[in-house]
Amino acid sequence: MDNVRIHPTASIDSDARIGSGTTVWINVQIRENSTVGKNCVLSKDVYIDRNVSIGDECKIQNSVSIYDGVTIENQVFVGPNASFTNDKVPRAFNPDWTITKTLVKHGASLGANCTIVCGISIGEYSMVAAGAVVTKDVPPYTLVAGNPARLVAKIDKLGNKIS
């Protein structure tokens, strides 16, 4: 783990892999077999479950939990308190429990307090507005908002609306 900054309160499993230049802040937990790429920032109280993959140059803001089954590609922004699910039929006890995978593609941006329901894909350079509840795939280069999230606009790589 070259040039990785880890706050003393962080809890990182010995099987976790963290790329060079990454900063891990206060009370972050990274579980076994997870990968965090190069030059990432994991802010206060972030939880990375086992087997999670996070690409390079990602910024994960305060109090985000990323669960097994979620893959985040490079240059993704995840706003504070964003929520991911990984179970289509959550129950306290379910012997048939299976993880439902979710993919957040390169350059996507997820706003504060949004909820990403498992089993979907968030497209390249798309944006999910703060507080949105995403229940189906988000196409690349689009802005979605609301509950459930709906297409609001086509956007460019920087998030500017395209007429």
N, C-alpha and C. Protein backbone atom coordinates (compact mmCIF):
# COMPACT_ATOMS: atom_id res chain seq x y z
N MET A 1 0.86 -1.18 0.00
CA MET A 1 0.00 0.00 0.00
C MET A 1 0.90 1.24 0.00
N ASP A 2 1.45 1.56 -1.16
CA ASP A 2 2.35 2.71 -1.30
C ASP A 2 1.59 4.02 -1.19
N ASN A 3 2.15 4.92 -0.40
CA ASN A 3 1.64 6.29 -0.33
C ASN A 3 0.14 6.34 0.00
N VAL A 4 -0.33 5.43 0.83
CA VAL A 4 -1.73 5.42 1.27
C VAL A 4 -1.79 6.09 2.63
N ARG A 5 -2.72 7.02 2.80
CA ARG A 5 -2.92 7.69 4.09
C ARG A 5 -4.13 7.07 4.77
N ILE A 6 -3.89 6.54 5.95
CA ILE A 6 -4.95 5.85 6.69
C ILE A 6 -5.05 6.46 8.09
N HIS A 7 -6.23 6.97 8.41
CA HIS A 7 -6.46 7.53 9.74
C HIS A 7 -6.37 6.40 10.77
N PRO A 8 -5.83 6.69 11.96
CA PRO A 8 -5.67 5.63 12.97
C PRO A 8 -6.97 4.97 13.43
N THR A 9 -8.12 5.61 13.22
CA THR A 9 -9.39 5.00 13.63
C THR A 9 -9.98 4.08 12.57
N ALA A 10 -9.37 4.04 11.38
CA ALA A 10 -9.88 3.18 10.30
C ALA A 10 -9.62 1.72 10.63
N SER A 11 -10.52 0.85 10.17
CA SER A 11 -10.39 -0.59 10.36
C SER A 11 -10.32 -1.23 8.97
N ILE A 12 -9.15 -1.78 8.65
CA ILE A 12 -8.94 -2.33 7.32
C ILE A 12 -8.51 -3.79 7.44
N ASP A 13 -9.28 -4.68 6.83
CA ASP A 13 -8.96 -6.10 6.87
C ASP A 13 -7.64 -6.35 6.13
N SER A 14 -6.90 -7.34 6.59
CA SER A 14 -5.60 -7.64 5.99
C SER A 14 -5.72 -8.13 4.55
N ASP A 15 -6.90 -8.62 4.14
CA ASP A 15 -7.12 -9.07 2.76
C ASP A 15 -7.61 -7.97 1.83
N ALA A 16 -7.85 -6.78 2.35
CA ALA A 16 -8.29 -5.65 1.51
C ALA A 16 -7.09 -5.11 0.74
N ARG A 17 -7.35 -4.60 -0.45
CA ARG A 17 -6.31 -3.99 -1.27
C ARG A 17 -6.65 -2.54 -1.52
N ILE A 18 -5.68 -1.65 -1.27
CA ILE A 18 -5.89 -0.21 -1.41
C ILE A 18 -4.78 0.34 -2.31
N GLY A 19 -5.18 1.07 -3.36
CA GLY A 19 -4.23 1.62 -4.32
C GLY A 19 -3.46 2.81 -3.79
N SER A 20 -2.32 3.06 -4.39
CA SER A 20 -1.45 4.16 -3.97
C SER A 20 -2.16 5.50 -4.12
N GLY A 21 -1.82 6.42 -3.23
CA GLY A 21 -2.38 7.76 -3.27
C GLY A 21 -3.77 7.88 -2.67
N THR A 22 -4.32 6.80 -2.16
CA THR A 22 -5.67 6.82 -1.59
C THR A 22 -5.62 7.31 -0.14
N THR A 23 -6.66 8.07 0.24
CA THR A 23 -6.80 8.57 1.61
C THR A 23 -8.01 7.92 2.25
N VAL A 24 -7.81 7.36 3.44
CA VAL A 24 -8.86 6.69 4.20
C VAL A 24 -9.04 7.47 5.50
N TRP A 25 -10.21 8.08 5.70
CA TRP A 25 -10.43 8.98 6.81
C TRP A 25 -10.99 8.29 8.06
N ILE A 26 -11.51 9.09 8.97
CA ILE A 26 -11.95 8.68 10.30
C ILE A 26 -13.06 7.63 10.24
N ASN A 27 -12.89 6.56 11.04
CA ASN A 27 -13.90 5.52 11.23
C ASN A 27 -14.31 4.78 9.96
N VAL A 28 -13.46 4.75 8.96
CA VAL A 28 -13.74 3.97 7.75
C VAL A 28 -13.48 2.50 8.05
N GLN A 29 -14.36 1.62 7.53
CA GLN A 29 -14.12 0.19 7.63
C GLN A 29 -14.09 -0.40 6.23
N ILE A 30 -13.03 -1.17 5.95
CA ILE A 30 -12.89 -1.86 4.67
C ILE A 30 -12.73 -3.34 4.97
N ARG A 31 -13.68 -4.14 4.49
CA ARG A 31 -13.73 -5.56 4.82
C ARG A 31 -12.91 -6.42 3.86
N GLU A 32 -12.87 -7.70 4.14
CA GLU A 32 -12.04 -8.65 3.42
C GLU A 32 -12.37 -8.74 1.93
N ASN A 33 -11.31 -8.97 1.17
CA ASN A 33 -11.38 -9.17 -0.28
C ASN A 33 -11.95 -7.98 -1.05
N SER A 34 -11.93 -6.81 -0.47
CA SER A 34 -12.36 -5.61 -1.17
C SER A 34 -11.16 -4.92 -1.81
N THR A 35 -11.44 -4.20 -2.89
CA THR A 35 -10.39 -3.46 -3.59
C THR A 35 -10.82 -2.00 -3.71
N VAL A 36 -9.93 -1.11 -3.32
CA VAL A 36 -10.11 0.33 -3.51
C VAL A 36 -8.96 0.78 -4.39
N GLY A 37 -9.27 1.47 -5.48
CA GLY A 37 -8.26 1.86 -6.46
C GLY A 37 -7.32 2.95 -6.00
N LYS A 38 -6.55 3.45 -6.96
CA LYS A 38 -5.56 4.50 -6.71
C LYS A 38 -6.23 5.87 -6.62
N ASN A 39 -5.63 6.73 -5.78
CA ASN A 39 -6.02 8.14 -5.68
C ASN A 39 -7.49 8.34 -5.35
N CYS A 40 -8.01 7.50 -4.48
CA CYS A 40 -9.40 7.64 -4.01
C CYS A 40 -9.43 8.39 -2.68
N VAL A 41 -10.60 8.89 -2.33
CA VAL A 41 -10.85 9.46 -1.01
C VAL A 41 -12.06 8.75 -0.43
N LEU A 42 -11.85 8.13 0.74
CA LEU A 42 -12.95 7.52 1.49
C LEU A 42 -13.14 8.38 2.73
N SER A 43 -14.22 9.14 2.77
CA SER A 43 -14.46 10.11 3.83
C SER A 43 -14.97 9.45 5.11
N LYS A 44 -15.20 10.25 6.10
CA LYS A 44 -15.58 9.81 7.45
C LYS A 44 -16.76 8.83 7.43
N ASP A 45 -16.61 7.75 8.22
CA ASP A 45 -17.68 6.77 8.46
C ASP A 45 -18.11 5.97 7.23
N VAL A 46 -17.25 5.83 6.23
CA VAL A 46 -17.57 5.00 5.07
C VAL A 46 -17.39 3.53 5.44
N TYR A 47 -18.32 2.69 4.97
CA TYR A 47 -18.24 1.25 5.18
C TYR A 47 -18.15 0.57 3.82
N ILE A 48 -17.10 -0.22 3.62
CA ILE A 48 -16.91 -0.99 2.40
C ILE A 48 -17.03 -2.47 2.79
N ASP A 49 -18.08 -3.12 2.33
CA ASP A 49 -18.35 -4.52 2.67
C ASP A 49 -17.36 -5.44 1.96
N ARG A 50 -17.41 -6.70 2.28
CA ARG A 50 -16.53 -7.68 1.67
C ARG A 50 -16.80 -7.79 0.17
N ASN A 51 -15.75 -8.07 -0.59
CA ASN A 51 -15.83 -8.33 -2.03
C ASN A 51 -16.24 -7.12 -2.87
N VAL A 52 -16.23 -5.93 -2.33
CA VAL A 52 -16.59 -4.73 -3.10
C VAL A 52 -15.39 -4.30 -3.94
N SER A 53 -15.67 -3.78 -5.13
CA SER A 53 -14.62 -3.26 -6.00
C SER A 53 -14.89 -1.79 -6.29
N ILE A 54 -13.91 -0.94 -5.97
CA ILE A 54 -13.99 0.50 -6.23
C ILE A 54 -12.80 0.86 -7.11
N GLY A 55 -13.05 1.54 -8.22
CA GLY A 55 -12.01 1.88 -9.18
C GLY A 55 -11.11 3.01 -8.72
N ASP A 56 -10.31 3.51 -9.63
CA ASP A 56 -9.36 4.60 -9.38
C ASP A 56 -10.07 5.95 -9.35
N GLU A 57 -9.50 6.87 -8.58
CA GLU A 57 -9.91 8.28 -8.54
C GLU A 57 -11.38 8.46 -8.20
N CYS A 58 -11.87 7.67 -7.26
CA CYS A 58 -13.25 7.80 -6.79
C CYS A 58 -13.27 8.61 -5.50
N LYS A 59 -14.37 9.29 -5.27
CA LYS A 59 -14.57 10.03 -4.04
C LYS A 59 -15.87 9.54 -3.41
N ILE A 60 -15.72 8.95 -2.23
CA ILE A 60 -16.88 8.42 -1.50
C ILE A 60 -17.05 9.29 -0.26
N GLN A 61 -18.14 10.03 -0.18
CA GLN A 61 -18.35 11.01 0.89
C GLN A 61 -18.82 10.35 2.19
N ASN A 62 -18.98 11.17 3.22
CA ASN A 62 -19.30 10.71 4.58
C ASN A 62 -20.52 9.79 4.63
N SER A 63 -20.40 8.77 5.48
CA SER A 63 -21.51 7.90 5.89
C SER A 63 -22.14 7.10 4.75
N VAL A 64 -21.34 6.72 3.77
CA VAL A 64 -21.82 5.86 2.69
C VAL A 64 -21.46 4.42 3.01
N SER A 65 -22.42 3.52 2.84
CA SER A 65 -22.17 2.09 2.98
C SER A 65 -22.30 1.43 1.62
N ILE A 66 -21.25 0.72 1.22
CA ILE A 66 -21.23 0.05 -0.08
C ILE A 66 -21.15 -1.44 0.20
N TYR A 67 -22.19 -2.18 -0.20
CA TYR A 67 -22.35 -3.57 0.19
C TYR A 67 -21.87 -4.55 -0.88
N ASP A 68 -21.60 -5.77 -0.44
CA ASP A 68 -21.20 -6.86 -1.33
C ASP A 68 -22.16 -6.89 -2.52
N GLY A 69 -21.60 -7.01 -3.70
CA GLY A 69 -22.41 -7.02 -4.92
C GLY A 69 -22.33 -5.72 -5.69
N VAL A 70 -21.78 -4.67 -5.07
CA VAL A 70 -21.66 -3.37 -5.74
C VAL A 70 -20.26 -3.24 -6.33
N THR A 71 -20.21 -2.84 -7.60
CA THR A 71 -18.95 -2.52 -8.27
C THR A 71 -19.03 -1.07 -8.71
N ILE A 72 -17.99 -0.31 -8.38
CA ILE A 72 -17.90 1.10 -8.75
C ILE A 72 -16.67 1.26 -9.63
N GLU A 73 -16.87 1.75 -10.85
CA GLU A 73 -15.76 1.93 -11.78
C GLU A 73 -14.99 3.21 -11.45
N ASN A 74 -14.05 3.61 -12.31
CA ASN A 74 -13.18 4.76 -12.10
C ASN A 74 -13.92 6.09 -12.12
N GLN A 75 -13.37 7.04 -11.36
CA GLN A 75 -13.79 8.45 -11.35
C GLN A 75 -15.27 8.64 -11.01
N VAL A 76 -15.75 7.87 -10.06
CA VAL A 76 -17.14 7.97 -9.61
C VAL A 76 -17.18 8.81 -8.33
N PHE A 77 -18.18 9.67 -8.24
CA PHE A 77 -18.44 10.45 -7.03
C PHE A 77 -19.69 9.89 -6.37
N VAL A 78 -19.60 9.63 -5.06
CA VAL A 78 -20.76 9.17 -4.28
C VAL A 78 -20.96 10.15 -3.14
N GLY A 79 -22.07 10.88 -3.17
CA GLY A 79 -22.35 11.92 -2.18
C GLY A 79 -22.66 11.37 -0.81
N PRO A 80 -22.62 12.25 0.20
CA PRO A 80 -22.84 11.82 1.58
C PRO A 80 -24.19 11.13 1.78
N ASN A 81 -24.15 10.08 2.58
CA ASN A 81 -25.34 9.33 2.98
C ASN A 81 -26.05 8.62 1.83
N ALA A 82 -25.40 8.49 0.68
CA ALA A 82 -26.00 7.69 -0.39
C ALA A 82 -26.13 6.26 0.11
N SER A 83 -27.17 5.56 -0.36
CA SER A 83 -27.44 4.20 0.10
C SER A 83 -27.49 3.23 -1.06
N PHE A 84 -26.85 2.08 -0.88
CA PHE A 84 -26.90 0.99 -1.84
C PHE A 84 -27.61 -0.18 -1.17
N THR A 85 -28.41 -0.91 -1.93
CA THR A 85 -28.98 -2.16 -1.43
C THR A 85 -28.33 -3.31 -2.19
N ASN A 86 -28.46 -4.54 -1.67
CA ASN A 86 -27.94 -5.69 -2.40
C ASN A 86 -28.87 -6.90 -2.31
N ASP A 87 -30.10 -6.66 -1.88
CA ASP A 87 -31.05 -7.74 -1.69
C ASP A 87 -32.42 -7.29 -2.19
N LYS A 88 -32.96 -7.99 -3.21
CA LYS A 88 -34.28 -7.63 -3.76
C LYS A 88 -35.42 -7.94 -2.80
N VAL A 89 -35.24 -8.93 -1.92
CA VAL A 89 -36.29 -9.32 -0.99
C VAL A 89 -35.68 -9.40 0.41
N PRO A 90 -35.43 -8.27 1.04
CA PRO A 90 -34.74 -8.30 2.33
C PRO A 90 -35.62 -8.89 3.44
N ARG A 91 -35.03 -9.79 4.18
CA ARG A 91 -35.66 -10.40 5.34
C ARG A 91 -34.58 -10.59 6.39
N ALA A 92 -34.95 -10.56 7.66
CA ALA A 92 -33.97 -10.75 8.73
C ALA A 92 -33.32 -12.12 8.63
N PHE A 93 -34.09 -13.14 8.29
CA PHE A 93 -33.57 -14.49 8.16
C PHE A 93 -34.11 -15.09 6.88
N ASN A 94 -33.20 -15.45 5.97
CA ASN A 94 -33.61 -16.03 4.70
C ASN A 94 -32.53 -17.01 4.25
N PRO A 95 -32.78 -18.31 4.36
CA PRO A 95 -31.75 -19.29 3.98
C PRO A 95 -31.44 -19.28 2.48
N ASP A 96 -32.31 -18.70 1.67
CA ASP A 96 -32.11 -18.65 0.22
C ASP A 96 -31.57 -17.29 -0.25
N TRP A 97 -31.03 -16.51 0.69
CA TRP A 97 -30.58 -15.15 0.38
C TRP A 97 -29.51 -15.16 -0.71
N THR A 98 -29.67 -14.29 -1.69
CA THR A 98 -28.67 -14.11 -2.72
C THR A 98 -28.40 -12.62 -2.91
N ILE A 99 -27.16 -12.33 -3.26
CA ILE A 99 -26.76 -10.95 -3.53
C ILE A 99 -27.16 -10.58 -4.95
N THR A 100 -27.74 -9.39 -5.12
CA THR A 100 -28.10 -8.88 -6.43
C THR A 100 -27.11 -7.78 -6.77
N LYS A 101 -26.42 -7.93 -7.88
CA LYS A 101 -25.32 -7.04 -8.24
C LYS A 101 -25.79 -5.70 -8.79
N THR A 102 -24.95 -4.67 -8.54
CA THR A 102 -25.17 -3.31 -9.03
C THR A 102 -23.85 -2.81 -9.60
N LEU A 103 -23.92 -2.08 -10.72
CA LEU A 103 -22.73 -1.52 -11.36
C LEU A 103 -22.88 -0.02 -11.53
N VAL A 104 -21.89 0.72 -11.02
CA VAL A 104 -21.84 2.17 -11.23
C VAL A 104 -20.67 2.42 -12.18
N LYS A 105 -20.98 2.91 -13.37
CA LYS A 105 -19.97 3.01 -14.43
C LYS A 105 -19.15 4.29 -14.36
N HIS A 106 -18.08 4.27 -15.11
CA HIS A 106 -17.06 5.31 -15.15
C HIS A 106 -17.66 6.73 -15.18
N GLY A 107 -17.19 7.57 -14.27
CA GLY A 107 -17.54 8.98 -14.28
C GLY A 107 -18.91 9.34 -13.75
N ALA A 108 -19.67 8.37 -13.27
CA ALA A 108 -21.01 8.67 -12.75
C ALA A 108 -20.91 9.49 -11.46
N SER A 109 -21.97 10.21 -11.16
CA SER A 109 -22.03 11.03 -9.95
C SER A 109 -23.36 10.77 -9.25
N LEU A 110 -23.28 10.35 -7.97
CA LEU A 110 -24.48 10.03 -7.20
C LEU A 110 -24.64 11.07 -6.10
N GLY A 111 -25.76 11.78 -6.10
CA GLY A 111 -25.99 12.87 -5.16
C GLY A 111 -26.25 12.40 -3.74
N ALA A 112 -26.15 13.35 -2.83
CA ALA A 112 -26.35 13.09 -1.40
C ALA A 112 -27.72 12.45 -1.15
N ASN A 113 -27.74 11.48 -0.26
CA ASN A 113 -28.97 10.82 0.19
C ASN A 113 -29.74 10.09 -0.90
N CYS A 114 -29.12 9.82 -2.04
CA CYS A 114 -29.83 9.03 -3.04
C CYS A 114 -29.82 7.56 -2.60
N THR A 115 -30.78 6.80 -3.11
CA THR A 115 -30.85 5.37 -2.84
C THR A 115 -30.76 4.63 -4.16
N ILE A 116 -29.84 3.66 -4.21
CA ILE A 116 -29.65 2.86 -5.41
C ILE A 116 -30.15 1.46 -5.10
N VAL A 117 -31.28 1.08 -5.69
CA VAL A 117 -31.85 -0.24 -5.48
C VAL A 117 -31.05 -1.23 -6.33
N CYS A 118 -30.72 -2.37 -5.77
CA CYS A 118 -29.82 -3.33 -6.41
C CYS A 118 -30.37 -3.88 -7.73
N GLY A 119 -29.42 -4.40 -8.52
CA GLY A 119 -29.78 -5.05 -9.77
C GLY A 119 -29.79 -4.13 -10.96
N ILE A 120 -29.24 -2.94 -10.82
CA ILE A 120 -29.26 -1.97 -11.92
C ILE A 120 -27.84 -1.54 -12.28
N SER A 121 -27.77 -0.77 -13.36
CA SER A 121 -26.53 -0.18 -13.82
C SER A 121 -26.71 1.33 -13.93
N ILE A 122 -25.74 2.06 -13.41
CA ILE A 122 -25.74 3.52 -13.52
C ILE A 122 -24.74 3.85 -14.64
N GLY A 123 -25.20 4.47 -15.72
CA GLY A 123 -24.39 4.67 -16.92
C GLY A 123 -23.24 5.65 -16.78
N GLU A 124 -22.31 5.58 -17.74
CA GLU A 124 -21.16 6.45 -17.77
C GLU A 124 -21.57 7.91 -17.73
N TYR A 125 -20.89 8.68 -16.90
CA TYR A 125 -21.05 10.14 -16.77
C TYR A 125 -22.49 10.57 -16.49
N SER A 126 -23.30 9.65 -16.00
CA SER A 126 -24.66 10.03 -15.62
C SER A 126 -24.63 10.69 -14.24
N MET A 127 -25.71 11.36 -13.90
CA MET A 127 -25.84 11.99 -12.59
C MET A 127 -27.17 11.59 -11.97
N VAL A 128 -27.10 11.24 -10.70
CA VAL A 128 -28.29 10.94 -9.92
C VAL A 128 -28.46 12.09 -8.94
N ALA A 129 -29.59 12.78 -8.99
CA ALA A 129 -29.82 13.94 -8.13
C ALA A 129 -29.90 13.54 -6.67
N ALA A 130 -29.60 14.49 -5.81
CA ALA A 130 -29.70 14.28 -4.37
C ALA A 130 -31.10 13.80 -4.02
N GLY A 131 -31.18 12.77 -3.18
CA GLY A 131 -32.46 12.27 -2.70
C GLY A 131 -33.22 11.36 -3.66
N ALA A 132 -32.70 11.15 -4.86
CA ALA A 132 -33.40 10.31 -5.83
C ALA A 132 -33.41 8.85 -5.37
N VAL A 133 -34.44 8.12 -5.77
CA VAL A 133 -34.52 6.69 -5.53
C VAL A 133 -34.47 6.00 -6.89
N VAL A 134 -33.34 5.35 -7.16
CA VAL A 134 -33.11 4.76 -8.48
C VAL A 134 -33.52 3.30 -8.45
N THR A 135 -34.52 2.96 -9.27
CA THR A 135 -35.08 1.61 -9.28
C THR A 135 -34.84 0.88 -10.59
N LYS A 136 -34.29 1.57 -11.60
CA LYS A 136 -33.99 0.93 -12.88
C LYS A 136 -32.75 1.56 -13.49
N ASP A 137 -32.22 0.94 -14.53
CA ASP A 137 -30.98 1.39 -15.14
C ASP A 137 -31.04 2.88 -15.51
N VAL A 138 -29.89 3.54 -15.34
CA VAL A 138 -29.73 4.94 -15.73
C VAL A 138 -28.86 4.97 -16.98
N PRO A 139 -29.36 5.52 -18.09
CA PRO A 139 -28.56 5.55 -19.31
C PRO A 139 -27.34 6.47 -19.16
N PRO A 140 -26.31 6.23 -19.96
CA PRO A 140 -25.13 7.10 -19.92
C PRO A 140 -25.52 8.54 -20.26
N TYR A 141 -24.76 9.49 -19.72
CA TYR A 141 -24.91 10.91 -20.03
C TYR A 141 -26.34 11.42 -19.81
N THR A 142 -26.95 11.03 -18.71
CA THR A 142 -28.28 11.53 -18.37
C THR A 142 -28.31 11.96 -16.91
N LEU A 143 -29.25 12.84 -16.60
CA LEU A 143 -29.54 13.26 -15.23
C LEU A 143 -30.89 12.67 -14.86
N VAL A 144 -30.93 11.99 -13.70
CA VAL A 144 -32.20 11.48 -13.19
C VAL A 144 -32.47 12.09 -11.82
N ALA A 145 -33.77 12.25 -11.50
CA ALA A 145 -34.16 12.85 -10.22
C ALA A 145 -35.52 12.31 -9.83
N GLY A 146 -35.82 12.39 -8.53
CA GLY A 146 -37.15 12.06 -8.03
C GLY A 146 -37.25 10.67 -7.42
N ASN A 147 -38.50 10.35 -7.01
CA ASN A 147 -38.81 9.07 -6.40
C ASN A 147 -40.10 8.52 -7.01
N PRO A 148 -39.98 7.53 -7.89
CA PRO A 148 -38.75 6.93 -8.39
C PRO A 148 -38.03 7.88 -9.36
N ALA A 149 -36.74 7.66 -9.52
CA ALA A 149 -35.94 8.54 -10.39
C ALA A 149 -36.44 8.47 -11.83
N ARG A 150 -36.52 9.66 -12.43
CA ARG A 150 -36.96 9.79 -13.82
C ARG A 150 -35.93 10.61 -14.59
N LEU A 151 -35.84 10.38 -15.88
CA LEU A 151 -34.94 11.12 -16.75
C LEU A 151 -35.34 12.60 -16.77
N VAL A 152 -34.39 13.47 -16.46
CA VAL A 152 -34.62 14.91 -16.44
C VAL A 152 -33.99 15.58 -17.64
N ALA A 153 -32.76 15.15 -17.98
CA ALA A 153 -32.04 15.81 -19.07
C ALA A 153 -30.91 14.93 -19.58
N LYS A 154 -30.50 15.23 -20.81
CA LYS A 154 -29.26 14.68 -21.34
C LYS A 154 -28.16 15.63 -20.89
N ILE A 155 -26.98 15.09 -20.55
CA ILE A 155 -25.89 15.92 -20.05
C ILE A 155 -24.58 15.52 -20.73
N ASP A 156 -23.57 16.40 -20.60
CA ASP A 156 -22.25 16.06 -21.10
C ASP A 156 -21.40 15.49 -19.97
N LYS A 157 -20.10 15.26 -20.22
CA LYS A 157 -19.21 14.67 -19.22
C LYS A 157 -19.12 15.50 -17.95
N LEU A 158 -19.29 16.81 -18.06
CA LEU A 158 -19.18 17.70 -16.90
C LEU A 158 -20.50 17.90 -16.17
N GLY A 159 -21.57 17.31 -16.68
CA GLY A 159 -22.87 17.44 -16.05
C GLY A 159 -23.69 18.60 -16.58
N ASN A 160 -23.20 19.26 -17.62
CA ASN A 160 -23.95 20.38 -18.21
C ASN A 160 -25.09 19.85 -19.06
N LYS A 161 -26.23 20.49 -18.96
CA LYS A 161 -27.40 20.08 -19.73
C LYS A 161 -27.16 20.32 -21.21
N ILE A 162 -27.55 19.34 -22.02
CA ILE A 162 -27.45 19.45 -23.47
C ILE A 162 -28.85 19.77 -23.98
N SER A 163 -28.96 20.77 -24.81
CA SER A 163 -30.30 21.18 -25.30
C SER A 163 -30.89 20.20 -26.27
